[in-house]
């Protein structure tokens, strides 16, 4: 029943918010008049209301209305009755903390499993993996658990960056960080480059966009996966 888009990012360099995804989203949310937005990933400086307005302006381009979940007294009921759901980017630690605090992480997962169209970008994609432990975000708050929704059978690393030796950067690369994760976990990790997304239809997972993705498994060399590839082999 799952109907999911998990995007690496909401905004490409030089583009407007969600601009590159709008043609895909007009199809994904074609049967939705109003989409429920979860703005909990954005730290201080941008209020939930301001974030929701920004999302609303983008979705207005494809004639969709946006309603922020923070406007509902009963958030669980809002999720169960949603026509579509969007969880935006920001800080994954904050997002997961807020989902646990409001007792809606499990409710959200169950709602998505019933077939409600779901969009995640960045942090909103991270929470669909087995855990949030391969996020790039700083731990600005401590969530009750690193476990997330497990809507795909692996972890995600959105905004995946390849090593660029020309920068003469001596810090750890994304690949090194993922290898550090694999010193303690056997979960596969998919490095999702900006401009790419995953489409999940029922139990079929497909890489979309123009770029390859990089798959990491413990004690194995990473492999490049071509766009339009079926990812059901990742377990």
C-alpha atoms as a PDB file:
ATOM      1  CA  UNK A   1       0.000   0.000   0.000  1.00  0.00           C
ATOM      2  CA  UNK A   2       2.979   2.351   0.374  1.00  0.00           C
ATOM      3  CA  UNK A   3       3.085   5.396  -1.924  1.00  0.00           C
ATOM      4  CA  UNK A   4       6.253   7.302  -1.033  1.00  0.00           C
ATOM      5  CA  UNK A   5       8.789   9.738  -2.470  1.00  0.00           C
ATOM      6  CA  UNK A   6      12.035  10.156  -0.518  1.00  0.00           C
ATOM      7  CA  UNK A   7      14.135  13.002  -1.892  1.00  0.00           C
ATOM      8  CA  UNK A   8      17.722  13.822  -1.011  1.00  0.00           C
ATOM      9  CA  UNK A   9      16.983  17.545  -0.899  1.00  0.00           C
ATOM     10  CA  UNK A  10      14.170  20.048  -1.260  1.00  0.00           C
ATOM     11  CA  UNK A  11      16.176  22.565  -3.268  1.00  0.00           C
ATOM     12  CA  UNK A  12      18.756  22.243  -6.020  1.00  0.00           C
ATOM     13  CA  UNK A  13      21.480  24.875  -6.466  1.00  0.00           C
ATOM     14  CA  UNK A  14      20.065  27.797  -8.434  1.00  0.00           C
ATOM     15  CA  UNK A  15      16.478  26.561  -8.145  1.00  0.00           C
ATOM     16  CA  UNK A  16      13.461  27.431  -6.053  1.00  0.00           C
ATOM     17  CA  UNK A  17      12.116  25.363  -3.172  1.00  0.00           C
ATOM     18  CA  UNK A  18      10.830  21.973  -4.470  1.00  0.00           C
ATOM     19  CA  UNK A  19      10.994  23.313  -8.042  1.00  0.00           C
ATOM     20  CA  UNK A  20      12.745  20.296  -9.558  1.00  0.00           C
ATOM     21  CA  UNK A  21      10.254  17.881  -7.962  1.00  0.00           C
ATOM     22  CA  UNK A  22       6.983  19.665  -8.762  1.00  0.00           C
ATOM     23  CA  UNK A  23       6.212  17.724 -11.968  1.00  0.00           C
ATOM     24  CA  UNK A  24       6.644  14.479 -10.023  1.00  0.00           C
ATOM     25  CA  UNK A  25       4.663  15.797  -7.058  1.00  0.00           C
ATOM     26  CA  UNK A  26       1.724  16.845  -9.219  1.00  0.00           C
ATOM     27  CA  UNK A  27       1.329  13.160 -10.096  1.00  0.00           C
ATOM     28  CA  UNK A  28       2.193  11.832  -6.655  1.00  0.00           C
ATOM     29  CA  UNK A  29      -0.439  14.003  -4.945  1.00  0.00           C
ATOM     30  CA  UNK A  30      -2.906  14.067  -7.849  1.00  0.00           C
ATOM     31  CA  UNK A  31      -5.816  12.866  -5.714  1.00  0.00           C
ATOM     32  CA  UNK A  32      -5.055  15.248  -2.829  1.00  0.00           C
ATOM     33  CA  UNK A  33      -6.584  18.675  -2.377  1.00  0.00           C
ATOM     34  CA  UNK A  34      -4.830  19.384   0.931  1.00  0.00           C
ATOM     35  CA  UNK A  35      -1.473  18.038   2.145  1.00  0.00           C
ATOM     36  CA  UNK A  36      -0.598  17.780   5.835  1.00  0.00           C
ATOM     37  CA  UNK A  37       2.841  19.290   6.483  1.00  0.00           C
ATOM     38  CA  UNK A  38       5.078  18.386   9.429  1.00  0.00           C
ATOM     39  CA  UNK A  39       7.476  21.327  10.063  1.00  0.00           C
ATOM     40  CA  UNK A  40       9.196  19.932  13.159  1.00  0.00           C
ATOM     41  CA  UNK A  41      12.695  19.584  11.652  1.00  0.00           C
ATOM     42  CA  UNK A  42      13.379  23.319  11.412  1.00  0.00           C
ATOM     43  CA  UNK A  43      15.382  24.686  14.392  1.00  0.00           C
ATOM     44  CA  UNK A  44      15.137  28.206  15.830  1.00  0.00           C
ATOM     45  CA  UNK A  45      15.036  31.161  13.475  1.00  0.00           C
ATOM     46  CA  UNK A  46      12.140  29.843  11.391  1.00  0.00           C
ATOM     47  CA  UNK A  47       8.802  29.256  13.088  1.00  0.00           C
ATOM     48  CA  UNK A  48       6.455  26.410  12.214  1.00  0.00           C
ATOM     49  CA  UNK A  49       4.117  28.988  10.701  1.00  0.00           C
ATOM     50  CA  UNK A  50       6.831  30.531   8.526  1.00  0.00           C
ATOM     51  CA  UNK A  51       8.009  27.114   7.324  1.00  0.00           C
ATOM     52  CA  UNK A  52       4.444  26.107   6.490  1.00  0.00           C
ATOM     53  CA  UNK A  53       3.889  29.298   4.497  1.00  0.00           C
ATOM     54  CA  UNK A  54       7.057  28.593   2.478  1.00  0.00           C
ATOM     55  CA  UNK A  55       5.843  25.078   1.681  1.00  0.00           C
ATOM     56  CA  UNK A  56       2.380  26.398   0.820  1.00  0.00           C
ATOM     57  CA  UNK A  57       3.800  28.813  -1.746  1.00  0.00           C
ATOM     58  CA  UNK A  58       5.618  25.963  -3.494  1.00  0.00           C
ATOM     59  CA  UNK A  59       2.624  23.626  -3.545  1.00  0.00           C
ATOM     60  CA  UNK A  60       0.320  26.411  -4.748  1.00  0.00           C
ATOM     61  CA  UNK A  61       2.149  26.115  -8.079  1.00  0.00           C
ATOM     62  CA  UNK A  62       0.529  22.696  -8.539  1.00  0.00           C
ATOM     63  CA  UNK A  63      -2.790  23.806  -6.984  1.00  0.00           C
ATOM     64  CA  UNK A  64      -2.384  22.055  -3.632  1.00  0.00           C
ATOM     65  CA  UNK A  65      -3.236  23.442  -0.209  1.00  0.00           C
ATOM     66  CA  UNK A  66      -0.963  22.964   2.811  1.00  0.00           C
ATOM     67  CA  UNK A  67      -2.037  22.594   6.429  1.00  0.00           C
ATOM     68  CA  UNK A  68       0.559  22.429   9.225  1.00  0.00           C
ATOM     69  CA  UNK A  69       0.175  19.606  11.735  1.00  0.00           C
ATOM     70  CA  UNK A  70       0.989  22.055  14.548  1.00  0.00           C
ATOM     71  CA  UNK A  71      -2.400  23.676  13.900  1.00  0.00           C
ATOM     72  CA  UNK A  72      -4.223  20.542  15.093  1.00  0.00           C
ATOM     73  CA  UNK A  73      -4.935  19.752  18.713  1.00  0.00           C
ATOM     74  CA  UNK A  74      -5.186  16.045  17.875  1.00  0.00           C
ATOM     75  CA  UNK A  75      -2.145  15.381  15.685  1.00  0.00           C
ATOM     76  CA  UNK A  76      -2.737  11.632  15.551  1.00  0.00           C
ATOM     77  CA  UNK A  77      -6.222  12.134  14.132  1.00  0.00           C
ATOM     78  CA  UNK A  78      -4.863  14.645  11.603  1.00  0.00           C
ATOM     79  CA  UNK A  79      -2.405  12.034  10.350  1.00  0.00           C
ATOM     80  CA  UNK A  80      -5.008   9.292  10.111  1.00  0.00           C
ATOM     81  CA  UNK A  81      -7.347  11.569   8.135  1.00  0.00           C
ATOM     82  CA  UNK A  82      -4.708  13.169   5.904  1.00  0.00           C
ATOM     83  CA  UNK A  83      -5.062  13.089   2.120  1.00  0.00           C
ATOM     84  CA  UNK A  84      -1.294  13.423   1.735  1.00  0.00           C
ATOM     85  CA  UNK A  85       1.677  13.992   4.043  1.00  0.00           C
ATOM     86  CA  UNK A  86       4.913  15.956   3.632  1.00  0.00           C
ATOM     87  CA  UNK A  87       7.765  15.966   6.164  1.00  0.00           C
ATOM     88  CA  UNK A  88      10.289  18.674   5.349  1.00  0.00           C
ATOM     89  CA  UNK A  89      14.009  18.934   5.945  1.00  0.00           C
ATOM     90  CA  UNK A  90      16.009  20.555   8.704  1.00  0.00           C
ATOM     91  CA  UNK A  91      17.631  18.752  11.610  1.00  0.00           C
ATOM     92  CA  UNK A  92      16.829  15.054  11.948  1.00  0.00           C
ATOM     93  CA  UNK A  93      17.587  14.944  15.683  1.00  0.00           C
ATOM     94  CA  UNK A  94      15.030  17.695  16.292  1.00  0.00           C
ATOM     95  CA  UNK A  95      12.463  16.101  13.972  1.00  0.00           C
ATOM     96  CA  UNK A  96      12.693  12.686  15.619  1.00  0.00           C
ATOM     97  CA  UNK A  97      12.587  14.254  19.086  1.00  0.00           C
ATOM     98  CA  UNK A  98       9.389  16.123  18.226  1.00  0.00           C
ATOM     99  CA  UNK A  99       7.733  13.089  16.660  1.00  0.00           C
ATOM    100  CA  UNK A 100       8.422  11.082  19.817  1.00  0.00           C
ATOM    101  CA  UNK A 101       7.399  13.989  22.087  1.00  0.00           C
ATOM    102  CA  UNK A 102       4.033  14.274  20.352  1.00  0.00           C
ATOM    103  CA  UNK A 103       3.578  10.469  20.260  1.00  0.00           C
ATOM    104  CA  UNK A 104       3.075  10.404  16.503  1.00  0.00           C
ATOM    105  CA  UNK A 105       6.074   8.541  15.055  1.00  0.00           C
ATOM    106  CA  UNK A 106       4.246   5.206  15.107  1.00  0.00           C
ATOM    107  CA  UNK A 107       0.998   6.836  13.975  1.00  0.00           C
ATOM    108  CA  UNK A 108       2.834   8.427  11.045  1.00  0.00           C
ATOM    109  CA  UNK A 109       4.370   5.110  10.006  1.00  0.00           C
ATOM    110  CA  UNK A 110       0.992   3.357  10.144  1.00  0.00           C
ATOM    111  CA  UNK A 111      -0.666   6.130   8.129  1.00  0.00           C
ATOM    112  CA  UNK A 112       1.945   5.876   5.375  1.00  0.00           C
ATOM    113  CA  UNK A 113       1.585   2.082   5.295  1.00  0.00           C
ATOM    114  CA  UNK A 114      -2.132   2.483   4.552  1.00  0.00           C
ATOM    115  CA  UNK A 115      -1.265   4.179   1.260  1.00  0.00           C
ATOM    116  CA  UNK A 116      -1.515   7.886   2.123  1.00  0.00           C
ATOM    117  CA  UNK A 117       0.897   9.588  -0.320  1.00  0.00           C
ATOM    118  CA  UNK A 118       4.031  10.638   1.549  1.00  0.00           C
ATOM    119  CA  UNK A 119       6.849  12.999   0.601  1.00  0.00           C
ATOM    120  CA  UNK A 120      10.039  13.311   2.609  1.00  0.00           C
ATOM    121  CA  UNK A 121      12.943  15.609   1.868  1.00  0.00           C
ATOM    122  CA  UNK A 122      16.298  15.392   3.668  1.00  0.00           C
ATOM    123  CA  UNK A 123      15.366  14.834   7.345  1.00  0.00           C
ATOM    124  CA  UNK A 124      11.900  13.748   6.210  1.00  0.00           C
ATOM    125  CA  UNK A 125      13.600  11.056   4.135  1.00  0.00           C
ATOM    126  CA  UNK A 126      16.024  10.063   6.901  1.00  0.00           C
ATOM    127  CA  UNK A 127      13.165   9.037   9.180  1.00  0.00           C
ATOM    128  CA  UNK A 128      11.958   6.463   6.650  1.00  0.00           C
ATOM    129  CA  UNK A 129      15.091   4.338   7.041  1.00  0.00           C
ATOM    130  CA  UNK A 130      15.724   1.774   9.746  1.00  0.00           C
ATOM    131  CA  UNK A 131      17.377   4.373  11.972  1.00  0.00           C
ATOM    132  CA  UNK A 132      18.397   8.032  11.757  1.00  0.00           C
ATOM    133  CA  UNK A 133      22.042   7.203  12.527  1.00  0.00           C
ATOM    134  CA  UNK A 134      23.362   8.052   9.062  1.00  0.00           C
ATOM    135  CA  UNK A 135      22.093  11.633   9.031  1.00  0.00           C
ATOM    136  CA  UNK A 136      24.618  14.418   8.388  1.00  0.00           C
ATOM    137  CA  UNK A 137      23.009  16.629  11.054  1.00  0.00           C
ATOM    138  CA  UNK A 138      24.530  17.743  14.333  1.00  0.00           C
ATOM    139  CA  UNK A 139      23.005  16.246  17.510  1.00  0.00           C
ATOM    140  CA  UNK A 140      21.495  19.505  18.767  1.00  0.00           C
ATOM    141  CA  UNK A 141      18.951  17.602  20.869  1.00  0.00           C
ATOM    142  CA  UNK A 142      18.820  14.043  22.177  1.00  0.00           C
ATOM    143  CA  UNK A 143      15.843  12.015  20.911  1.00  0.00           C
ATOM    144  CA  UNK A 144      14.423   9.140  22.988  1.00  0.00           C
ATOM    145  CA  UNK A 145      15.589   6.701  20.310  1.00  0.00           C
ATOM    146  CA  UNK A 146      17.498   6.657  17.038  1.00  0.00           C
ATOM    147  CA  UNK A 147      15.016   4.132  15.661  1.00  0.00           C
ATOM    148  CA  UNK A 148      12.751   5.519  12.959  1.00  0.00           C
ATOM    149  CA  UNK A 149       9.950   4.209  10.737  1.00  0.00           C
ATOM    150  CA  UNK A 150      11.671   1.484   8.721  1.00  0.00           C
ATOM    151  CA  UNK A 151       9.563   2.125   5.625  1.00  0.00           C
ATOM    152  CA  UNK A 152      12.553   1.033   3.533  1.00  0.00           C
ATOM    153  CA  UNK A 153      14.822  -1.839   4.693  1.00  0.00           C
ATOM    154  CA  UNK A 154      18.027   0.202   4.859  1.00  0.00           C
ATOM    155  CA  UNK A 155      19.405   3.527   6.071  1.00  0.00           C
ATOM    156  CA  UNK A 156      19.654   6.675   4.006  1.00  0.00           C
ATOM    157  CA  UNK A 157      22.322   9.340   3.716  1.00  0.00           C
ATOM    158  CA  UNK A 158      20.681  12.291   1.926  1.00  0.00           C
ATOM    159  CA  UNK A 159      22.877  15.057   0.478  1.00  0.00           C
ATOM    160  CA  UNK A 160      25.548  12.429  -0.177  1.00  0.00           C
ATOM    161  CA  UNK A 161      28.782  14.084  -1.337  1.00  0.00           C
ATOM    162  CA  UNK A 162      31.637  12.439  -3.203  1.00  0.00           C
ATOM    163  CA  UNK A 163      35.202  13.087  -2.100  1.00  0.00           C
ATOM    164  CA  UNK A 164      36.760  16.053  -3.905  1.00  0.00           C
ATOM    165  CA  UNK A 165      40.552  15.925  -3.621  1.00  0.00           C
ATOM    166  CA  UNK A 166      40.876  19.343  -5.278  1.00  0.00           C
ATOM    167  CA  UNK A 167      39.448  20.969  -2.144  1.00  0.00           C
ATOM    168  CA  UNK A 168      42.444  19.705  -0.120  1.00  0.00           C
ATOM    169  CA  UNK A 169      40.035  18.928   2.709  1.00  0.00           C
ATOM    170  CA  UNK A 170      41.605  16.770   5.425  1.00  0.00           C
ATOM    171  CA  UNK A 171      38.442  16.019   7.393  1.00  0.00           C
ATOM    172  CA  UNK A 172      36.404  12.834   7.106  1.00  0.00           C
ATOM    173  CA  UNK A 173      34.446  12.224   3.917  1.00  0.00           C
ATOM    174  CA  UNK A 174      30.843  10.989   3.871  1.00  0.00           C
ATOM    175  CA  UNK A 175      32.160   7.571   2.888  1.00  0.00           C
ATOM    176  CA  UNK A 176      34.439   7.510   5.948  1.00  0.00           C
ATOM    177  CA  UNK A 177      31.541   8.460   8.195  1.00  0.00           C
ATOM    178  CA  UNK A 178      29.379   5.684   6.790  1.00  0.00           C
ATOM    179  CA  UNK A 179      32.238   3.213   7.293  1.00  0.00           C
ATOM    180  CA  UNK A 180      32.364   4.345  10.934  1.00  0.00           C
ATOM    181  CA  UNK A 181      28.650   3.571  11.212  1.00  0.00           C
ATOM    182  CA  UNK A 182      29.311   0.103   9.823  1.00  0.00           C
ATOM    183  CA  UNK A 183      31.786  -0.570  12.608  1.00  0.00           C
ATOM    184  CA  UNK A 184      28.697  -0.881  14.833  1.00  0.00           C
ATOM    185  CA  UNK A 185      25.830  -1.754  12.478  1.00  0.00           C
ATOM    186  CA  UNK A 186      25.173  -4.151   9.603  1.00  0.00           C
ATOM    187  CA  UNK A 187      22.372  -2.077   8.073  1.00  0.00           C
ATOM    188  CA  UNK A 188      22.960  -1.137   4.415  1.00  0.00           C
ATOM    189  CA  UNK A 189      23.248   2.592   3.710  1.00  0.00           C
ATOM    190  CA  UNK A 190      22.208   4.292   0.479  1.00  0.00           C
ATOM    191  CA  UNK A 191      24.039   7.524  -0.314  1.00  0.00           C
ATOM    192  CA  UNK A 192      21.468   9.655  -2.130  1.00  0.00           C
ATOM    193  CA  UNK A 193      22.891  12.550  -4.123  1.00  0.00           C
ATOM    194  CA  UNK A 194      21.067  15.868  -4.415  1.00  0.00           C
ATOM    195  CA  UNK A 195      18.594  15.724  -7.292  1.00  0.00           C
ATOM    196  CA  UNK A 196      17.812  12.041  -6.772  1.00  0.00           C
ATOM    197  CA  UNK A 197      14.901  10.444  -4.976  1.00  0.00           C
ATOM    198  CA  UNK A 198      13.400   7.076  -4.182  1.00  0.00           C
ATOM    199  CA  UNK A 199       9.945   6.076  -5.343  1.00  0.00           C
ATOM    200  CA  UNK A 200       8.255   3.436  -3.194  1.00  0.00           C
ATOM    201  CA  UNK A 201       5.117   1.885  -4.661  1.00  0.00           C
ATOM    202  CA  UNK A 202       3.723  -0.910  -2.503  1.00  0.00           C
ATOM    203  CA  UNK A 203       6.881  -2.966  -1.941  1.00  0.00           C
ATOM    204  CA  UNK A 204       8.767  -1.821  -5.062  1.00  0.00           C
ATOM    205  CA  UNK A 205      11.612   0.669  -4.478  1.00  0.00           C
ATOM    206  CA  UNK A 206      13.065   2.534  -7.491  1.00  0.00           C
ATOM    207  CA  UNK A 207      15.864   5.093  -7.773  1.00  0.00           C
ATOM    208  CA  UNK A 208      14.732   8.181  -9.684  1.00  0.00           C
ATOM    209  CA  UNK A 209      16.456  11.320 -10.946  1.00  0.00           C
ATOM    210  CA  UNK A 210      19.438  11.711 -13.254  1.00  0.00           C
ATOM    211  CA  UNK A 211      22.204  10.615 -10.863  1.00  0.00           C
ATOM    212  CA  UNK A 212      23.508   7.327  -9.556  1.00  0.00           C
ATOM    213  CA  UNK A 213      23.359   6.439  -5.873  1.00  0.00           C
ATOM    214  CA  UNK A 214      26.063   4.725  -3.830  1.00  0.00           C
ATOM    215  CA  UNK A 215      25.322   1.656  -1.763  1.00  0.00           C
ATOM    216  CA  UNK A 216      27.411   0.834   1.291  1.00  0.00           C
ATOM    217  CA  UNK A 217      27.481  -2.485   3.099  1.00  0.00           C
ATOM    218  CA  UNK A 218      29.808  -3.480   5.956  1.00  0.00           C
ATOM    219  CA  UNK A 219      33.102  -5.085   4.879  1.00  0.00           C
ATOM    220  CA  UNK A 220      32.306  -4.607   1.186  1.00  0.00           C
ATOM    221  CA  UNK A 221      33.341  -2.111  -1.440  1.00  0.00           C
ATOM    222  CA  UNK A 222      30.598   0.430  -2.207  1.00  0.00           C
ATOM    223  CA  UNK A 223      28.741   0.056  -5.495  1.00  0.00           C
ATOM    224  CA  UNK A 224      27.149   2.602  -7.795  1.00  0.00           C
ATOM    225  CA  UNK A 225      23.489   2.066  -8.629  1.00  0.00           C
ATOM    226  CA  UNK A 226      22.112   3.430 -11.878  1.00  0.00           C
ATOM    227  CA  UNK A 227      19.027   5.591 -11.944  1.00  0.00           C
ATOM    228  CA  UNK A 228      15.738   3.742 -12.625  1.00  0.00           C
ATOM    229  CA  UNK A 229      17.167   0.687 -10.885  1.00  0.00           C
ATOM    230  CA  UNK A 230      14.964  -1.471  -8.671  1.00  0.00           C
ATOM    231  CA  UNK A 231      16.368  -1.472  -5.128  1.00  0.00           C
ATOM    232  CA  UNK A 232      14.468  -4.414  -3.693  1.00  0.00           C
ATOM    233  CA  UNK A 233      17.710  -6.369  -3.510  1.00  0.00           C
ATOM    234  CA  UNK A 234      18.965  -4.120  -0.694  1.00  0.00           C
ATOM    235  CA  UNK A 235      18.388  -5.875   2.614  1.00  0.00           C
END
